[in-house]
Protein backbone atom coordinates (compact mmCIF):
# COMPACT_ATOMS: atom_id res chain seq x y z
CA MET A 1 9.84 28.44 -12.21
CA CYS A 2 6.60 26.73 -11.10
CA LEU A 3 7.66 23.59 -12.93
CA LEU A 4 10.91 23.46 -10.96
CA ILE A 5 9.07 23.93 -7.67
CA GLY A 6 6.59 21.22 -8.67
CA LEU A 7 9.37 18.79 -9.59
CA ALA A 8 11.20 19.49 -6.35
CA ALA A 9 8.04 18.88 -4.33
CA CYS A 10 7.35 15.61 -6.15
CA SER A 11 10.89 14.35 -5.68
CA ARG A 12 10.60 14.74 -1.90
CA THR A 13 7.34 12.78 -1.78
CA SER A 14 8.00 9.25 -0.57
CA LEU A 15 4.51 8.04 -1.47
CA ASP A 16 2.85 9.65 -4.48
CA LEU A 17 -0.78 8.54 -4.50
CA ASP A 18 -1.59 10.34 -7.74
CA GLY A 19 1.21 8.65 -9.72
CA LEU A 20 1.28 5.52 -7.52
CA LYS A 21 4.97 5.66 -6.70
CA LEU A 22 6.59 4.47 -3.49
CA LYS A 23 10.08 5.90 -2.99
CA GLY A 24 10.25 6.60 -6.72
CA MET A 25 9.25 3.03 -7.62
CA ALA A 26 6.12 2.73 -9.76
CA LEU A 27 3.55 0.40 -8.21
CA THR A 28 2.43 -1.63 -11.22
CA PRO A 29 1.35 -5.24 -11.71
CA GLY A 30 4.76 -5.87 -13.32
CA LEU A 31 6.70 -4.75 -10.24
CA SER A 32 8.97 -7.59 -9.11
CA PRO A 33 10.41 -8.41 -5.69
CA GLN A 34 13.89 -7.84 -7.13
CA GLU A 35 12.98 -4.26 -8.09
CA VAL A 36 11.70 -3.62 -4.56
CA VAL A 37 14.94 -4.93 -3.06
CA HIS A 38 16.94 -2.73 -5.47
CA VAL A 39 15.08 0.40 -4.31
CA MET A 40 14.36 -0.37 -0.64
CA GLY A 41 17.09 -2.84 0.23
CA PRO A 42 16.53 -6.34 1.56
CA PRO A 43 13.45 -6.74 3.74
CA GLU A 44 13.83 -7.29 7.46
CA GLU A 45 11.68 -10.39 7.08
CA GLU A 46 10.08 -12.39 4.29
CA GLY A 47 7.03 -14.56 4.73
CA ARG A 48 5.21 -16.88 2.39
CA SER A 49 1.69 -18.18 2.38
CA PRO A 50 0.65 -21.30 0.47
CA ARG A 51 -2.05 -21.42 -2.14
CA ARG A 52 -5.52 -21.57 -0.57
CA PHE A 53 -8.58 -22.47 -2.60
CA LEU A 54 -8.75 -19.55 -5.09
CA ARG A 55 -6.02 -17.39 -3.51
CA PRO A 56 -2.60 -17.78 -5.14
CA PRO A 57 0.58 -18.32 -3.09
CA ARG A 58 2.07 -15.07 -1.81
CA LEU A 59 5.39 -13.55 -0.76
CA TYR A 60 5.34 -10.86 1.93
CA MET A 61 8.31 -8.49 2.18
CA LYS A 62 8.29 -6.80 5.59
CA TYR A 63 10.12 -3.54 6.23
CA TYR A 64 9.41 -2.99 9.93
CA ARG A 65 11.54 0.14 10.43
CA GLN A 66 10.02 1.79 7.34
CA GLY A 67 6.43 0.86 8.22
CA ILE A 68 5.82 -0.96 4.93
CA GLU A 69 4.76 -4.45 3.90
CA ILE A 70 4.69 -5.36 0.21
CA ALA A 71 3.03 -8.52 -1.10
CA PHE A 72 3.38 -10.43 -4.36
CA ASP A 73 1.35 -13.35 -5.67
CA SER A 74 2.29 -15.94 -8.25
CA GLU A 75 0.84 -18.72 -10.35
CA GLY A 76 0.94 -22.41 -9.49
CA ARG A 77 0.79 -24.30 -6.22
CA GLN A 78 4.06 -22.95 -4.79
CA TYR A 79 5.34 -19.37 -4.83
CA ASP A 80 7.12 -18.77 -8.15
CA PRO A 81 9.36 -15.68 -8.48
CA VAL A 82 9.10 -15.77 -12.29
CA SER A 83 5.31 -15.26 -12.29
CA ALA A 84 5.30 -12.96 -9.22
CA ARG A 85 3.01 -9.94 -9.50
CA PHE A 86 2.66 -6.99 -7.14
CA VAL A 87 -0.60 -7.37 -5.24
CA ARG A 88 -0.47 -5.00 -2.27
CA ALA A 89 1.47 -2.36 -0.38
CA TYR A 90 0.44 -1.87 3.24
CA ILE A 91 1.65 1.45 4.66
CA PHE A 92 1.47 1.82 8.45
CA LEU A 93 0.54 5.42 9.26
CA ARG A 94 0.78 4.65 13.01
CA PRO A 95 3.08 2.18 14.73
CA GLU A 96 1.61 -1.30 15.09
CA ALA A 97 3.20 -4.46 16.51
CA ARG A 98 6.76 -4.57 15.11
CA TYR A 99 6.08 -1.90 12.46
CA ALA A 100 7.13 1.71 12.89
CA ALA A 101 4.98 4.43 11.37
CA PHE A 102 5.80 5.37 7.78
CA SER A 103 8.02 8.43 8.07
CA GLY A 104 8.03 9.60 4.46
CA LYS A 105 5.91 12.33 2.94
CA ILE A 106 2.63 11.34 1.33
CA THR A 107 0.87 13.41 -1.33
CA HIS A 108 -1.90 15.68 -0.07
CA GLY A 109 -0.02 15.81 3.27
CA ILE A 110 -1.83 12.68 4.51
CA ASN A 111 -0.47 11.25 7.76
CA GLY A 112 -1.42 9.23 10.81
CA GLN A 113 -2.66 12.31 12.66
CA TRP A 114 -5.58 12.69 10.28
CA ASP A 115 -9.13 11.54 10.82
CA LEU A 116 -11.57 10.44 8.12
CA ARG A 117 -13.20 13.87 7.92
CA ARG A 118 -9.87 15.49 7.03
CA LEU A 119 -9.18 12.71 4.52
CA GLU A 120 -12.50 13.42 2.81
CA LYS A 121 -11.66 17.14 2.62
CA ALA A 122 -8.41 16.28 0.83
CA LEU A 123 -9.59 13.45 -1.46
CA GLY A 124 -13.36 13.88 -1.58
CA PRO A 125 -15.91 11.31 -0.48
CA PRO A 126 -14.86 7.67 -0.77
CA GLU A 127 -16.41 5.44 -3.40
CA ARG A 128 -17.09 2.74 -0.82
CA THR A 129 -16.98 2.42 2.97
CA GLN A 130 -17.26 -0.59 5.22
CA THR A 131 -16.73 -1.64 8.81
CA VAL A 132 -14.45 -4.62 9.39
CA GLY A 133 -14.31 -5.52 13.08
CA SER A 134 -12.96 -2.50 14.95
CA GLU A 135 -11.80 -0.77 11.76
CA LEU A 136 -13.35 1.42 9.11
CA GLU A 137 -12.26 1.16 5.48
CA TRP A 138 -12.55 4.12 3.10
CA THR A 139 -11.96 2.99 -0.49
CA TYR A 140 -10.95 5.30 -3.32
CA TRP A 141 -10.50 4.41 -7.01
CA GLU A 142 -12.92 1.48 -6.72
CA LYS A 143 -12.94 0.75 -10.48
CA ARG A 144 -9.28 1.46 -11.32
CA GLN A 145 -6.50 -1.07 -11.64
CA PHE A 146 -5.37 -0.24 -8.08
CA GLN A 147 -7.52 0.77 -5.12
CA LEU A 148 -6.57 2.99 -2.21
CA VAL A 149 -8.04 1.67 1.03
CA PHE A 150 -7.56 3.88 4.08
CA ILE A 151 -8.03 2.10 7.40
CA ALA A 152 -9.14 3.95 10.53
CA GLU A 153 -10.06 3.01 14.08
CA THR A 154 -13.84 2.82 14.54
CA SER A 155 -13.75 4.51 17.95
CA THR A 156 -11.60 7.55 17.04
CA ARG A 157 -11.99 7.55 13.23
CA GLU A 158 -8.24 8.34 13.03
CA LEU A 159 -6.20 6.89 10.18
CA LYS A 160 -3.92 4.00 11.01
CA ALA A 161 -2.92 2.51 7.65
CA LEU A 162 -3.24 2.66 3.88
CA MET A 163 -3.45 -0.31 1.56
CA ILE A 164 -2.74 0.02 -2.14
CA LEU A 165 -4.38 -3.04 -3.66
CA ARG A 166 -4.36 -4.55 -7.11
CA ARG A 167 -8.03 -4.82 -8.01
CA ASP A 168 -7.81 -8.32 -9.53
CA ARG A 169 -6.23 -9.84 -6.40
CA ASP A 170 -7.33 -13.42 -6.88
CA ARG A 171 -6.01 -15.38 -9.85
CA PRO A 172 -7.62 -18.81 -9.87
CA LYS A 173 -5.72 -21.52 -11.73
């Protein structure tokens, strides 16, 4: 009985931080843009950035109404869909610019109404913290393949976004 309740609860979770799944899609380095489109539909906008010094070219898939931006990098001088690798998912917990707030359920009940103190009660102390301009970053899973970086406003300490980052983000070639 408990197993059925547990499975039902997991299936309703739109963002599973423990299993790193977004809408049932596993966030792995092998995740392709085509798989994202299959699960989430076509993005409302796509953007590309060229290769810069050591940073590879990137594709940004923007889902404004869902509050999600997913980025892929690739090898070479121009973006190459064949070598594309998942690099980051940016989840907006509060509306910002054209992005709506993410409306799905997140494991541990995390949402945009939380502050950093409540986040620490749910996940424990972060492995690293830093201030970047007017934002605070609380990083979990510092040494794993993917890092969770919660972003909060410095003034209120309330969560505004979550980044799920591939740890080896830069692939010099």
